[in-house]
């Protein structure tokens, strides 16, 4: 799980680094967002194949998206 908005680094930067150093982990990334994101981040989330879950989310939704990523990776 990777938040797209963090204080010192963006989730996109974390993802791009993960693609370079551990692509098998990048394939299992799930982005989460609280809704306040920049237009460039919105564009990224629209074009990436990685799933996204919006905050607030419940345990059931989290389990479902994690299971989906675990079975496709």
PDB file of N, CA and C in Angstrom:
ATOM      1  N   UNK A   1       0.854  -1.178   0.000  1.00  0.00           N
ATOM      2  CA  UNK A   1       0.000   0.000   0.000  1.00  0.00           C
ATOM      3  C   UNK A   1       0.888   1.225   0.000  1.00  0.00           C
ATOM      4  N   UNK A   2       0.569   2.172  -0.855  1.00  0.00           N
ATOM      5  CA  UNK A   2       1.373   3.384  -0.958  1.00  0.00           C
ATOM      6  C   UNK A   2       0.460   4.585  -1.105  1.00  0.00           C
ATOM      7  N   UNK A   3       0.554   5.489  -0.164  1.00  0.00           N
ATOM      8  CA  UNK A   3      -0.218   6.731  -0.255  1.00  0.00           C
ATOM      9  C   UNK A   3       0.370   7.565  -1.385  1.00  0.00           C
ATOM     10  N   UNK A   4      -0.464   8.218  -2.164  1.00  0.00           N
ATOM     11  CA  UNK A   4       0.056   9.040  -3.252  1.00  0.00           C
ATOM     12  C   UNK A   4       0.568  10.387  -2.764  1.00  0.00           C
ATOM     13  N   UNK A   5       0.101  10.836  -1.606  1.00  0.00           N
ATOM     14  CA  UNK A   5       0.529  12.126  -1.062  1.00  0.00           C
ATOM     15  C   UNK A   5       1.183  11.910   0.286  1.00  0.00           C
ATOM     16  N   UNK A   6       2.487  12.200   0.339  1.00  0.00           N
ATOM     17  CA  UNK A   6       3.248  12.072   1.579  1.00  0.00           C
ATOM     18  C   UNK A   6       4.117  13.313   1.747  1.00  0.00           C
ATOM     19  N   UNK A   7       4.601  13.571   2.942  1.00  0.00           N
ATOM     20  CA  UNK A   7       5.330  14.816   3.200  1.00  0.00           C
ATOM     21  C   UNK A   7       6.630  14.996   2.407  1.00  0.00           C
ATOM     22  N   UNK A   8       7.458  13.968   2.320  1.00  0.00           N
ATOM     23  CA  UNK A   8       8.792  14.153   1.749  1.00  0.00           C
ATOM     24  C   UNK A   8       8.994  13.563   0.360  1.00  0.00           C
ATOM     25  N   UNK A   9       8.142  12.679  -0.030  1.00  0.00           N
ATOM     26  CA  UNK A   9       8.257  12.017  -1.328  1.00  0.00           C
ATOM     27  C   UNK A   9       6.851  11.633  -1.785  1.00  0.00           C
ATOM     28  N   UNK A  10       6.630  11.667  -3.080  1.00  0.00           N
ATOM     29  CA  UNK A  10       5.297  11.294  -3.566  1.00  0.00           C
ATOM     30  C   UNK A  10       5.203   9.787  -3.743  1.00  0.00           C
ATOM     31  N   UNK A  11       4.007   9.293  -3.734  1.00  0.00           N
ATOM     32  CA  UNK A  11       3.781   7.879  -3.998  1.00  0.00           C
ATOM     33  C   UNK A  11       4.239   7.487  -5.393  1.00  0.00           C
ATOM     34  N   UNK A  12       4.132   8.425  -6.325  1.00  0.00           N
ATOM     35  CA  UNK A  12       4.595   8.167  -7.685  1.00  0.00           C
ATOM     36  C   UNK A  12       6.110   7.944  -7.681  1.00  0.00           C
ATOM     37  N   UNK A  13       6.833   8.763  -6.938  1.00  0.00           N
ATOM     38  CA  UNK A  13       8.288   8.599  -6.850  1.00  0.00           C
ATOM     39  C   UNK A  13       8.654   7.261  -6.205  1.00  0.00           C
ATOM     40  N   UNK A  14       7.936   6.889  -5.161  1.00  0.00           N
ATOM     41  CA  UNK A  14       8.183   5.595  -4.516  1.00  0.00           C
ATOM     42  C   UNK A  14       7.938   4.478  -5.527  1.00  0.00           C
ATOM     43  N   UNK A  15       6.854   4.566  -6.254  1.00  0.00           N
ATOM     44  CA  UNK A  15       6.509   3.544  -7.246  1.00  0.00           C
ATOM     45  C   UNK A  15       7.569   3.461  -8.341  1.00  0.00           C
ATOM     46  N   UNK A  16       7.982   4.608  -8.881  1.00  0.00           N
ATOM     47  CA  UNK A  16       8.981   4.623  -9.951  1.00  0.00           C
ATOM     48  C   UNK A  16      10.308   4.023  -9.484  1.00  0.00           C
ATOM     49  N   UNK A  17      10.693   4.300  -8.260  1.00  0.00           N
ATOM     50  CA  UNK A  17      11.915   3.709  -7.714  1.00  0.00           C
ATOM     51  C   UNK A  17      11.744   2.202  -7.546  1.00  0.00           C
ATOM     52  N   UNK A  18      10.580   1.797  -7.086  1.00  0.00           N
ATOM     53  CA  UNK A  18      10.308   0.371  -6.908  1.00  0.00           C
ATOM     54  C   UNK A  18      10.338  -0.349  -8.246  1.00  0.00           C
ATOM     55  N   UNK A  19       9.822   0.269  -9.290  1.00  0.00           N
ATOM     56  CA  UNK A  19       9.872  -0.332 -10.629  1.00  0.00           C
ATOM     57  C   UNK A  19      11.321  -0.601 -11.024  1.00  0.00           C
ATOM     58  N   UNK A  20      12.212   0.327 -10.683  1.00  0.00           N
ATOM     59  CA  UNK A  20      13.627   0.178 -11.051  1.00  0.00           C
ATOM     60  C   UNK A  20      14.344  -0.884 -10.221  1.00  0.00           C
ATOM     61  N   UNK A  21      14.096  -0.919  -8.918  1.00  0.00           N
ATOM     62  CA  UNK A  21      14.897  -1.792  -8.045  1.00  0.00           C
ATOM     63  C   UNK A  21      14.218  -3.120  -7.694  1.00  0.00           C
ATOM     64  N   UNK A  22      12.911  -3.168  -7.776  1.00  0.00           N
ATOM     65  CA  UNK A  22      12.187  -4.398  -7.431  1.00  0.00           C
ATOM     66  C   UNK A  22      10.873  -4.467  -8.209  1.00  0.00           C
ATOM     67  N   UNK A  23      10.958  -4.671  -9.519  1.00  0.00           N
ATOM     68  CA  UNK A  23       9.746  -4.648 -10.348  1.00  0.00           C
ATOM     69  C   UNK A  23       8.674  -5.633  -9.902  1.00  0.00           C
ATOM     70  N   UNK A  24       9.085  -6.750  -9.306  1.00  0.00           N
ATOM     71  CA  UNK A  24       8.091  -7.724  -8.835  1.00  0.00           C
ATOM     72  C   UNK A  24       7.247  -7.148  -7.701  1.00  0.00           C
ATOM     73  N   UNK A  25       7.816  -6.250  -6.919  1.00  0.00           N
ATOM     74  CA  UNK A  25       7.037  -5.582  -5.867  1.00  0.00           C
ATOM     75  C   UNK A  25       6.177  -4.465  -6.445  1.00  0.00           C
ATOM     76  N   UNK A  26       6.686  -3.783  -7.452  1.00  0.00           N
ATOM     77  CA  UNK A  26       5.923  -2.702  -8.079  1.00  0.00           C
ATOM     78  C   UNK A  26       4.605  -3.215  -8.637  1.00  0.00           C
ATOM     79  N   UNK A  27       4.618  -4.449  -9.150  1.00  0.00           N
ATOM     80  CA  UNK A  27       3.397  -5.038  -9.696  1.00  0.00           C
ATOM     81  C   UNK A  27       2.332  -5.267  -8.634  1.00  0.00           C
ATOM     82  N   UNK A  28       2.740  -5.262  -7.375  1.00  0.00           N
ATOM     83  CA  UNK A  28       1.801  -5.514  -6.271  1.00  0.00           C
ATOM     84  C   UNK A  28       1.408  -4.235  -5.536  1.00  0.00           C
ATOM     85  N   UNK A  29       1.779  -3.082  -6.074  1.00  0.00           N
ATOM     86  CA  UNK A  29       1.474  -1.807  -5.432  1.00  0.00           C
ATOM     87  C   UNK A  29      -0.006  -1.470  -5.533  1.00  0.00           C
ATOM     88  N   UNK A  30      -0.557  -1.029  -4.429  1.00  0.00           N
ATOM     89  CA  UNK A  30      -1.911  -0.475  -4.396  1.00  0.00           C
ATOM     90  C   UNK A  30      -1.770   0.957  -3.889  1.00  0.00           C
ATOM     91  N   UNK A  31      -2.256   1.901  -4.661  1.00  0.00           N
ATOM     92  CA  UNK A  31      -2.214   3.300  -4.239  1.00  0.00           C
ATOM     93  C   UNK A  31      -3.442   3.623  -3.413  1.00  0.00           C
ATOM     94  N   UNK A  32      -3.247   4.500  -2.441  1.00  0.00           N
ATOM     95  CA  UNK A  32      -4.393   4.993  -1.672  1.00  0.00           C
ATOM     96  C   UNK A  32      -4.337   6.508  -1.654  1.00  0.00           C
ATOM     97  N   UNK A  33      -5.521   7.103  -1.588  1.00  0.00           N
ATOM     98  CA  UNK A  33      -5.615   8.551  -1.656  1.00  0.00           C
ATOM     99  C   UNK A  33      -6.762   9.052  -0.797  1.00  0.00           C
ATOM    100  N   UNK A  34      -6.511  10.216  -0.220  1.00  0.00           N
ATOM    101  CA  UNK A  34      -7.545  10.878   0.557  1.00  0.00           C
ATOM    102  C   UNK A  34      -8.360  11.852  -0.274  1.00  0.00           C
ATOM    103  N   UNK A  35      -8.025  11.963  -1.560  1.00  0.00           N
ATOM    104  CA  UNK A  35      -8.830  12.772  -2.457  1.00  0.00           C
ATOM    105  C   UNK A  35      -8.219  14.087  -2.886  1.00  0.00           C
ATOM    106  N   UNK A  36      -7.349  14.685  -2.087  1.00  0.00           N
ATOM    107  CA  UNK A  36      -6.752  15.965  -2.432  1.00  0.00           C
ATOM    108  C   UNK A  36      -5.439  15.720  -3.170  1.00  0.00           C
ATOM    109  N   UNK A  37      -5.520  15.588  -4.500  1.00  0.00           N
ATOM    110  CA  UNK A  37      -4.330  15.281  -5.284  1.00  0.00           C
ATOM    111  C   UNK A  37      -4.199  16.240  -6.463  1.00  0.00           C
ATOM    112  N   UNK A  38      -2.993  16.422  -6.910  1.00  0.00           N
ATOM    113  CA  UNK A  38      -2.708  17.353  -8.003  1.00  0.00           C
ATOM    114  C   UNK A  38      -3.200  16.784  -9.337  1.00  0.00           C
ATOM    115  N   UNK A  39      -3.351  17.656 -10.324  1.00  0.00           N
ATOM    116  CA  UNK A  39      -3.759  17.176 -11.652  1.00  0.00           C
ATOM    117  C   UNK A  39      -2.779  16.146 -12.227  1.00  0.00           C
ATOM    118  N   UNK A  40      -1.471  16.330 -12.008  1.00  0.00           N
ATOM    119  CA  UNK A  40      -0.512  15.355 -12.542  1.00  0.00           C
ATOM    120  C   UNK A  40      -0.662  14.002 -11.850  1.00  0.00           C
ATOM    121  N   UNK A  41      -0.962  14.009 -10.557  1.00  0.00           N
ATOM    122  CA  UNK A  41      -1.189  12.754  -9.840  1.00  0.00           C
ATOM    123  C   UNK A  41      -2.479  12.103 -10.324  1.00  0.00           C
ATOM    124  N   UNK A  42      -3.500  12.899 -10.566  1.00  0.00           N
ATOM    125  CA  UNK A  42      -4.747  12.362 -11.118  1.00  0.00           C
ATOM    126  C   UNK A  42      -4.490  11.691 -12.463  1.00  0.00           C
ATOM    127  N   UNK A  43      -3.685  12.332 -13.310  1.00  0.00           N
ATOM    128  CA  UNK A  43      -3.340  11.751 -14.612  1.00  0.00           C
ATOM    129  C   UNK A  43      -2.610  10.425 -14.437  1.00  0.00           C
ATOM    130  N   UNK A  44      -1.649  10.399 -13.515  1.00  0.00           N
ATOM    131  CA  UNK A  44      -0.907   9.162 -13.266  1.00  0.00           C
ATOM    132  C   UNK A  44      -1.843   8.046 -12.834  1.00  0.00           C
ATOM    133  N   UNK A  45      -2.728   8.335 -11.893  1.00  0.00           N
ATOM    134  CA  UNK A  45      -3.636   7.307 -11.388  1.00  0.00           C
ATOM    135  C   UNK A  45      -4.602   6.813 -12.460  1.00  0.00           C
ATOM    136  N   UNK A  46      -4.951   7.687 -13.401  1.00  0.00           N
ATOM    137  CA  UNK A  46      -5.827   7.280 -14.503  1.00  0.00           C
ATOM    138  C   UNK A  46      -5.108   6.358 -15.488  1.00  0.00           C
ATOM    139  N   UNK A  47      -3.793   6.535 -15.623  1.00  0.00           N
ATOM    140  CA  UNK A  47      -3.070   5.791 -16.645  1.00  0.00           C
ATOM    141  C   UNK A  47      -2.320   4.568 -16.119  1.00  0.00           C
ATOM    142  N   UNK A  48      -2.076   4.494 -14.825  1.00  0.00           N
ATOM    143  CA  UNK A  48      -1.361   3.339 -14.290  1.00  0.00           C
ATOM    144  C   UNK A  48      -2.279   2.127 -14.229  1.00  0.00           C
ATOM    145  N   UNK A  49      -1.681   0.968 -14.355  1.00  0.00           N
ATOM    146  CA  UNK A  49      -2.468  -0.261 -14.236  1.00  0.00           C
ATOM    147  C   UNK A  49      -2.659  -0.658 -12.778  1.00  0.00           C
ATOM    148  N   UNK A  50      -1.934  -0.012 -11.881  1.00  0.00           N
ATOM    149  CA  UNK A  50      -2.029  -0.352 -10.463  1.00  0.00           C
ATOM    150  C   UNK A  50      -3.359   0.140  -9.886  1.00  0.00           C
ATOM    151  N   UNK A  51      -3.952  -0.665  -9.032  1.00  0.00           N
ATOM    152  CA  UNK A  51      -5.242  -0.275  -8.450  1.00  0.00           C
ATOM    153  C   UNK A  51      -5.101   0.834  -7.416  1.00  0.00           C
ATOM    154  N   UNK A  52      -6.223   1.441  -7.113  1.00  0.00           N
ATOM    155  CA  UNK A  52      -6.288   2.544  -6.157  1.00  0.00           C
ATOM    156  C   UNK A  52      -7.467   2.312  -5.231  1.00  0.00           C
ATOM    157  N   UNK A  53      -7.268   2.668  -3.974  1.00  0.00           N
ATOM    158  CA  UNK A  53      -8.351   2.627  -3.004  1.00  0.00           C
ATOM    159  C   UNK A  53      -8.429   4.011  -2.362  1.00  0.00           C
ATOM    160  N   UNK A  54      -9.632   4.542  -2.253  1.00  0.00           N
ATOM    161  CA  UNK A  54      -9.813   5.884  -1.698  1.00  0.00           C
ATOM    162  C   UNK A  54     -10.122   5.831  -0.213  1.00  0.00           C
ATOM    163  N   UNK A  55      -9.513   6.756   0.515  1.00  0.00           N
ATOM    164  CA  UNK A  55      -9.781   6.889   1.947  1.00  0.00           C
ATOM    165  C   UNK A  55     -11.046   7.712   2.128  1.00  0.00           C
ATOM    166  N   UNK A  56     -11.792   7.474   3.119  1.00  0.00           N
ATOM    167  CA  UNK A  56     -11.645   6.370   4.064  1.00  0.00           C
ATOM    168  C   UNK A  56     -12.157   5.078   3.426  1.00  0.00           C
ATOM    169  N   UNK A  57     -11.518   3.983   3.743  1.00  0.00           N
ATOM    170  CA  UNK A  57     -11.959   2.687   3.242  1.00  0.00           C
ATOM    171  C   UNK A  57     -12.171   1.759   4.429  1.00  0.00           C
ATOM    172  N   UNK A  58     -12.984   0.747   4.209  1.00  0.00           N
ATOM    173  CA  UNK A  58     -13.247  -0.200   5.293  1.00  0.00           C
ATOM    174  C   UNK A  58     -12.389  -1.455   5.119  1.00  0.00           C
ATOM    175  N   UNK A  59     -12.362  -2.273   6.142  1.00  0.00           N
ATOM    176  CA  UNK A  59     -11.517  -3.467   6.142  1.00  0.00           C
ATOM    177  C   UNK A  59     -11.878  -4.412   4.999  1.00  0.00           C
ATOM    178  N   UNK A  60     -13.141  -4.523   4.689  1.00  0.00           N
ATOM    179  CA  UNK A  60     -13.577  -5.415   3.622  1.00  0.00           C
ATOM    180  C   UNK A  60     -13.022  -4.965   2.266  1.00  0.00           C
ATOM    181  N   UNK A  61     -13.100  -3.687   1.978  1.00  0.00           N
ATOM    182  CA  UNK A  61     -12.576  -3.158   0.720  1.00  0.00           C
ATOM    183  C   UNK A  61     -11.065  -3.337   0.645  1.00  0.00           C
ATOM    184  N   UNK A  62     -10.387  -3.136   1.759  1.00  0.00           N
ATOM    185  CA  UNK A  62      -8.940  -3.319   1.798  1.00  0.00           C
ATOM    186  C   UNK A  62      -8.571  -4.779   1.539  1.00  0.00           C
ATOM    187  N   UNK A  63      -9.253  -5.698   2.205  1.00  0.00           N
ATOM    188  CA  UNK A  63      -8.977  -7.127   1.992  1.00  0.00           C
ATOM    189  C   UNK A  63      -9.204  -7.511   0.529  1.00  0.00           C
ATOM    190  N   UNK A  64     -10.258  -7.000  -0.065  1.00  0.00           N
ATOM    191  CA  UNK A  64     -10.590  -7.322  -1.443  1.00  0.00           C
ATOM    192  C   UNK A  64      -9.512  -6.852  -2.413  1.00  0.00           C
ATOM    193  N   UNK A  65      -9.053  -5.623  -2.260  1.00  0.00           N
ATOM    194  CA  UNK A  65      -8.061  -5.102  -3.198  1.00  0.00           C
ATOM    195  C   UNK A  65      -6.697  -5.756  -2.997  1.00  0.00           C
ATOM    196  N   UNK A  66      -6.342  -6.064  -1.753  1.00  0.00           N
ATOM    197  CA  UNK A  66      -5.075  -6.746  -1.488  1.00  0.00           C
ATOM    198  C   UNK A  66      -5.124  -8.170  -2.063  1.00  0.00           C
ATOM    199  N   UNK A  67      -6.224  -8.841  -1.906  1.00  0.00           N
ATOM    200  CA  UNK A  67      -6.373 -10.189  -2.462  1.00  0.00           C
ATOM    201  C   UNK A  67      -6.279 -10.158  -3.989  1.00  0.00           C
ATOM    202  N   UNK A  68      -6.873  -9.164  -4.582  1.00  0.00           N
ATOM    203  CA  UNK A  68      -6.841  -9.047  -6.054  1.00  0.00           C
ATOM    204  C   UNK A  68      -5.410  -8.860  -6.557  1.00  0.00           C
ATOM    205  N   UNK A  69      -4.657  -8.014  -5.882  1.00  0.00           N
ATOM    206  CA  UNK A  69      -3.265  -7.772  -6.283  1.00  0.00           C
ATOM    207  C   UNK A  69      -2.412  -9.017  -6.021  1.00  0.00           C
ATOM    208  N   UNK A  70      -2.666  -9.681  -4.938  1.00  0.00           N
ATOM    209  CA  UNK A  70      -1.879 -10.872  -4.588  1.00  0.00           C
ATOM    210  C   UNK A  70      -2.073 -11.996  -5.603  1.00  0.00           C
ATOM    211  N   UNK A  71      -3.257 -12.081  -6.185  1.00  0.00           N
ATOM    212  CA  UNK A  71      -3.519 -13.169  -7.142  1.00  0.00           C
ATOM    213  C   UNK A  71      -3.092 -12.831  -8.556  1.00  0.00           C
ATOM    214  N   UNK A  72      -2.878 -11.547  -8.856  1.00  0.00           N
ATOM    215  CA  UNK A  72      -2.482 -11.160 -10.206  1.00  0.00           C
ATOM    216  C   UNK A  72      -0.980 -10.980 -10.340  1.00  0.00           C
ATOM    217  N   UNK A  73      -0.276 -10.937  -9.239  1.00  0.00           N
ATOM    218  CA  UNK A  73       1.177 -10.703  -9.306  1.00  0.00           C
ATOM    219  C   UNK A  73       1.921 -12.007  -9.459  1.00  0.00           C
TER     220      UNK A  73
END
